[in-house]
Every structure is written in structure tokens, then in C-alpha cells.
Amino acid sequence: MHKEELITLHQMLSDIKDYFESTNPDLKFSNYYSLKINPSQLHKSKMEHKYAIFVLGNELADAMKEVEFSASGRISARMRELAAKTLKEMEYVQ
């Protein structure tokens, strides 16, 4: 994916996060917020946005478990794997 496409995806996931937070104020996206990156930060690297997408995807899948979507557990696990892989790639580049 190109950086612009990743940023668009990041924005979509952020919008979903905002919806979940508005419907359930108890939800915390602490791992995502700890990254201190949001879709409007165009100066951040492609890899940073990719990592944020996987971290946010994992937390969104965890939030969906509360609503009892059956596949969300597998989605969460896969997002966690992809986030770990991307973090290793980021560390290798630095």
C-alpha cells in the first residue's frame, strides 16, 4: 500500500474508534493512544501509520468482542501478530 492509502485506512479505523468511544465511554484504546500518532499527522512515516493501524485494529477487534461478533477474537489475534511484525520492521529500519 502507498502511504496515502494507509493514511486513509488509518482515518477510517479512527472514525470507527470514535464511534465505539461515543457509544461506550468505558472503552479505552490505551495502546493506540500511547503511540501518539493520528491520521492527520502526515509527517509520520508510512511504517508508523502501518503500525498504528494494526494496534488500533487489534483494540477495535477487542472492543467488538464485547458486542459478541464471533470472528473478532481471531481478528484481534491476527492484528496483534501484524503489529508485532511491523514493530520489528520499524526497529530494523532504525
N, C-alpha and C. Protein backbone atom coordinates (compact mmCIF):
# COMPACT_ATOMS: atom_id res chain seq x y z
N MET A 1 0.84 -1.19 0.00
CA MET A 1 0.00 0.00 0.00
C MET A 1 0.88 1.25 0.00
N HIS A 2 0.37 2.26 -0.63
CA HIS A 2 1.05 3.55 -0.61
C HIS A 2 0.73 4.27 0.69
N LYS A 3 1.56 5.21 1.05
CA LYS A 3 1.38 5.94 2.31
C LYS A 3 0.00 6.61 2.36
N GLU A 4 -0.43 7.21 1.26
CA GLU A 4 -1.73 7.89 1.23
C GLU A 4 -2.87 6.91 1.51
N GLU A 5 -2.76 5.69 0.99
CA GLU A 5 -3.78 4.67 1.22
C GLU A 5 -3.78 4.24 2.68
N LEU A 6 -2.60 4.10 3.26
CA LEU A 6 -2.51 3.73 4.68
C LEU A 6 -3.12 4.82 5.56
N ILE A 7 -2.86 6.06 5.21
CA ILE A 7 -3.42 7.17 6.00
C ILE A 7 -4.94 7.17 5.89
N THR A 8 -5.46 6.88 4.70
CA THR A 8 -6.92 6.80 4.52
C THR A 8 -7.50 5.68 5.38
N LEU A 9 -6.85 4.52 5.36
CA LEU A 9 -7.30 3.40 6.19
C LEU A 9 -7.20 3.76 7.67
N HIS A 10 -6.12 4.41 8.05
CA HIS A 10 -5.93 4.84 9.43
C HIS A 10 -7.09 5.76 9.84
N GLN A 11 -7.47 6.68 8.95
CA GLN A 11 -8.58 7.59 9.24
C GLN A 11 -9.90 6.83 9.42
N MET A 12 -10.14 5.85 8.56
CA MET A 12 -11.37 5.06 8.67
C MET A 12 -11.43 4.32 10.00
N LEU A 13 -10.33 3.71 10.38
CA LEU A 13 -10.29 2.99 11.65
C LEU A 13 -10.44 3.95 12.83
N SER A 14 -9.86 5.13 12.69
CA SER A 14 -10.00 6.14 13.73
C SER A 14 -11.46 6.59 13.87
N ASP A 15 -12.15 6.70 12.76
CA ASP A 15 -13.58 7.05 12.79
C ASP A 15 -14.39 5.96 13.50
N ILE A 16 -14.04 4.70 13.24
CA ILE A 16 -14.72 3.58 13.91
C ILE A 16 -14.44 3.63 15.40
N LYS A 17 -13.18 3.93 15.76
CA LYS A 17 -12.80 4.07 17.17
C LYS A 17 -13.64 5.16 17.83
N ASP A 18 -13.76 6.29 17.15
CA ASP A 18 -14.56 7.39 17.69
C ASP A 18 -16.00 6.97 17.93
N TYR A 19 -16.55 6.20 17.00
CA TYR A 19 -17.92 5.71 17.16
C TYR A 19 -18.03 4.81 18.39
N PHE A 20 -17.10 3.86 18.51
CA PHE A 20 -17.13 2.96 19.67
C PHE A 20 -17.01 3.74 20.97
N GLU A 21 -16.13 4.75 20.99
CA GLU A 21 -15.97 5.56 22.21
C GLU A 21 -17.24 6.34 22.52
N SER A 22 -17.94 6.80 21.49
CA SER A 22 -19.16 7.57 21.74
C SER A 22 -20.30 6.68 22.24
N THR A 23 -20.30 5.42 21.84
CA THR A 23 -21.37 4.52 22.28
C THR A 23 -21.04 3.81 23.59
N ASN A 24 -19.74 3.74 23.92
CA ASN A 24 -19.33 3.08 25.15
C ASN A 24 -18.13 3.83 25.74
N PRO A 25 -18.38 4.81 26.60
CA PRO A 25 -17.29 5.61 27.17
C PRO A 25 -16.30 4.81 28.01
N ASP A 26 -16.66 3.58 28.39
CA ASP A 26 -15.75 2.76 29.19
C ASP A 26 -14.63 2.15 28.36
N LEU A 27 -14.79 2.15 27.04
CA LEU A 27 -13.75 1.58 26.19
C LEU A 27 -12.50 2.46 26.23
N LYS A 28 -11.38 1.82 26.35
CA LYS A 28 -10.10 2.53 26.36
C LYS A 28 -9.25 1.98 25.22
N PHE A 29 -8.67 2.83 24.47
CA PHE A 29 -7.76 2.45 23.39
C PHE A 29 -6.36 2.90 23.79
N SER A 30 -5.93 2.44 24.95
CA SER A 30 -4.69 2.93 25.56
C SER A 30 -3.45 2.62 24.73
N ASN A 31 -3.39 1.44 24.13
CA ASN A 31 -2.21 1.11 23.32
C ASN A 31 -2.11 2.04 22.12
N TYR A 32 -3.24 2.30 21.49
CA TYR A 32 -3.25 3.19 20.33
C TYR A 32 -2.88 4.61 20.76
N TYR A 33 -3.50 5.11 21.83
CA TYR A 33 -3.22 6.47 22.27
C TYR A 33 -1.76 6.64 22.71
N SER A 34 -1.17 5.57 23.23
CA SER A 34 0.22 5.67 23.68
C SER A 34 1.20 5.87 22.51
N LEU A 35 0.76 5.54 21.29
CA LEU A 35 1.62 5.74 20.12
C LEU A 35 1.78 7.21 19.76
N LYS A 36 0.81 8.02 20.19
CA LYS A 36 0.82 9.46 19.90
C LYS A 36 0.92 9.73 18.40
N ILE A 37 0.09 9.01 17.65
CA ILE A 37 0.01 9.21 16.20
C ILE A 37 -1.46 9.18 15.82
N ASN A 38 -1.83 10.07 14.92
CA ASN A 38 -3.20 10.06 14.40
C ASN A 38 -3.14 10.27 12.90
N PRO A 39 -4.22 10.01 12.19
CA PRO A 39 -4.20 10.08 10.73
C PRO A 39 -3.85 11.45 10.16
N SER A 40 -4.04 12.50 10.92
CA SER A 40 -3.75 13.84 10.40
C SER A 40 -2.25 14.16 10.41
N GLN A 41 -1.47 13.32 11.03
CA GLN A 41 -0.02 13.56 11.11
C GLN A 41 0.68 13.01 9.87
N LEU A 42 0.60 13.76 8.80
CA LEU A 42 1.14 13.32 7.52
C LEU A 42 2.66 13.20 7.53
N HIS A 43 3.32 13.89 8.45
CA HIS A 43 4.77 13.85 8.53
C HIS A 43 5.30 12.54 9.12
N LYS A 44 4.42 11.78 9.77
CA LYS A 44 4.84 10.49 10.32
C LYS A 44 5.11 9.53 9.17
N SER A 45 5.97 8.56 9.41
CA SER A 45 6.37 7.64 8.34
C SER A 45 5.25 6.66 7.99
N LYS A 46 5.41 6.10 6.83
CA LYS A 46 4.47 5.07 6.35
C LYS A 46 4.43 3.91 7.35
N MET A 47 5.59 3.52 7.84
CA MET A 47 5.69 2.41 8.78
C MET A 47 4.99 2.73 10.10
N GLU A 48 5.09 3.97 10.56
CA GLU A 48 4.42 4.36 11.80
C GLU A 48 2.90 4.28 11.64
N HIS A 49 2.39 4.73 10.50
CA HIS A 49 0.95 4.64 10.25
C HIS A 49 0.52 3.17 10.14
N LYS A 50 1.33 2.36 9.50
CA LYS A 50 1.03 0.93 9.36
C LYS A 50 0.95 0.29 10.74
N TYR A 51 1.91 0.58 11.59
CA TYR A 51 1.91 0.03 12.94
C TYR A 51 0.69 0.51 13.72
N ALA A 52 0.35 1.79 13.61
CA ALA A 52 -0.82 2.33 14.30
C ALA A 52 -2.09 1.64 13.83
N ILE A 53 -2.18 1.33 12.54
CA ILE A 53 -3.35 0.63 12.00
C ILE A 53 -3.51 -0.73 12.67
N PHE A 54 -2.41 -1.47 12.79
CA PHE A 54 -2.50 -2.80 13.39
C PHE A 54 -2.82 -2.74 14.89
N VAL A 55 -2.23 -1.79 15.58
CA VAL A 55 -2.51 -1.63 17.01
C VAL A 55 -3.98 -1.24 17.21
N LEU A 56 -4.44 -0.27 16.43
CA LEU A 56 -5.83 0.16 16.53
C LEU A 56 -6.78 -0.96 16.10
N GLY A 57 -6.42 -1.68 15.04
CA GLY A 57 -7.24 -2.80 14.59
C GLY A 57 -7.40 -3.85 15.68
N ASN A 58 -6.32 -4.12 16.40
CA ASN A 58 -6.36 -5.08 17.50
C ASN A 58 -7.30 -4.60 18.59
N GLU A 59 -7.19 -3.33 18.96
CA GLU A 59 -8.05 -2.81 20.03
C GLU A 59 -9.51 -2.73 19.58
N LEU A 60 -9.75 -2.43 18.31
CA LEU A 60 -11.12 -2.42 17.81
C LEU A 60 -11.71 -3.83 17.83
N ALA A 61 -10.91 -4.82 17.44
CA ALA A 61 -11.39 -6.21 17.48
C ALA A 61 -11.71 -6.62 18.91
N ASP A 62 -10.87 -6.20 19.85
CA ASP A 62 -11.16 -6.49 21.25
C ASP A 62 -12.47 -5.84 21.69
N ALA A 63 -12.69 -4.61 21.24
CA ALA A 63 -13.94 -3.90 21.58
C ALA A 63 -15.13 -4.61 20.97
N MET A 64 -14.96 -5.17 19.78
CA MET A 64 -16.07 -5.87 19.12
C MET A 64 -16.44 -7.15 19.86
N LYS A 65 -15.49 -7.73 20.57
CA LYS A 65 -15.79 -8.94 21.33
C LYS A 65 -16.90 -8.68 22.34
N GLU A 66 -16.95 -7.45 22.83
CA GLU A 66 -17.97 -7.08 23.80
C GLU A 66 -19.37 -7.13 23.18
N VAL A 67 -19.45 -6.98 21.87
CA VAL A 67 -20.73 -6.99 21.17
C VAL A 67 -21.02 -8.38 20.62
N GLU A 68 -20.12 -9.32 20.88
CA GLU A 68 -20.27 -10.72 20.53
C GLU A 68 -20.22 -11.01 19.05
N PHE A 69 -19.30 -10.40 18.34
CA PHE A 69 -19.04 -10.81 16.96
C PHE A 69 -18.12 -12.02 17.04
N SER A 70 -18.49 -13.12 16.43
CA SER A 70 -17.80 -14.38 16.62
C SER A 70 -16.36 -14.38 16.10
N ALA A 71 -16.07 -13.71 15.02
CA ALA A 71 -14.74 -13.77 14.44
C ALA A 71 -13.78 -12.74 15.03
N SER A 72 -14.27 -11.88 15.90
CA SER A 72 -13.42 -10.78 16.39
C SER A 72 -12.21 -11.27 17.17
N GLY A 73 -12.31 -12.40 17.83
CA GLY A 73 -11.16 -12.93 18.56
C GLY A 73 -10.02 -13.28 17.63
N ARG A 74 -10.34 -13.88 16.49
CA ARG A 74 -9.31 -14.22 15.51
C ARG A 74 -8.73 -12.96 14.88
N ILE A 75 -9.58 -11.98 14.64
CA ILE A 75 -9.12 -10.71 14.07
C ILE A 75 -8.15 -10.05 15.04
N SER A 76 -8.51 -10.04 16.30
CA SER A 76 -7.65 -9.43 17.31
C SER A 76 -6.29 -10.09 17.35
N ALA A 77 -6.27 -11.41 17.34
CA ALA A 77 -5.00 -12.14 17.39
C ALA A 77 -4.16 -11.84 16.15
N ARG A 78 -4.78 -11.79 15.00
CA ARG A 78 -4.04 -11.52 13.76
C ARG A 78 -3.49 -10.09 13.76
N MET A 79 -4.28 -9.13 14.22
CA MET A 79 -3.80 -7.74 14.29
C MET A 79 -2.62 -7.63 15.25
N ARG A 80 -2.67 -8.37 16.35
CA ARG A 80 -1.57 -8.37 17.31
C ARG A 80 -0.30 -8.91 16.64
N GLU A 81 -0.44 -10.00 15.86
CA GLU A 81 0.70 -10.57 15.15
C GLU A 81 1.28 -9.58 14.14
N LEU A 82 0.40 -8.94 13.38
CA LEU A 82 0.85 -7.99 12.37
C LEU A 82 1.51 -6.76 13.01
N ALA A 83 0.99 -6.32 14.15
CA ALA A 83 1.60 -5.20 14.86
C ALA A 83 3.01 -5.56 15.32
N ALA A 84 3.17 -6.75 15.86
CA ALA A 84 4.48 -7.19 16.32
C ALA A 84 5.46 -7.28 15.16
N LYS A 85 5.01 -7.81 14.04
CA LYS A 85 5.86 -7.92 12.86
C LYS A 85 6.28 -6.54 12.36
N THR A 86 5.33 -5.62 12.31
CA THR A 86 5.62 -4.27 11.84
C THR A 86 6.57 -3.55 12.79
N LEU A 87 6.40 -3.74 14.09
CA LEU A 87 7.30 -3.13 15.07
C LEU A 87 8.73 -3.62 14.85
N LYS A 88 8.90 -4.92 14.59
CA LYS A 88 10.24 -5.45 14.31
C LYS A 88 10.82 -4.80 13.06
N GLU A 89 9.99 -4.61 12.03
CA GLU A 89 10.45 -3.97 10.81
C GLU A 89 10.88 -2.52 11.09
N MET A 90 10.11 -1.84 11.94
CA MET A 90 10.45 -0.46 12.29
C MET A 90 11.78 -0.40 13.03
N GLU A 91 11.99 -1.33 13.94
CA GLU A 91 13.23 -1.37 14.71
C GLU A 91 14.41 -1.68 13.81
N TYR A 92 14.19 -2.54 12.81
CA TYR A 92 15.26 -2.91 11.89
C TYR A 92 15.67 -1.72 11.03
N VAL A 93 14.70 -0.90 10.62
CA VAL A 93 14.97 0.26 9.77
C VAL A 93 15.76 1.32 10.52
N GLN A 94 15.50 1.47 11.80
CA GLN A 94 16.17 2.50 12.60
C GLN A 94 17.55 2.05 12.86
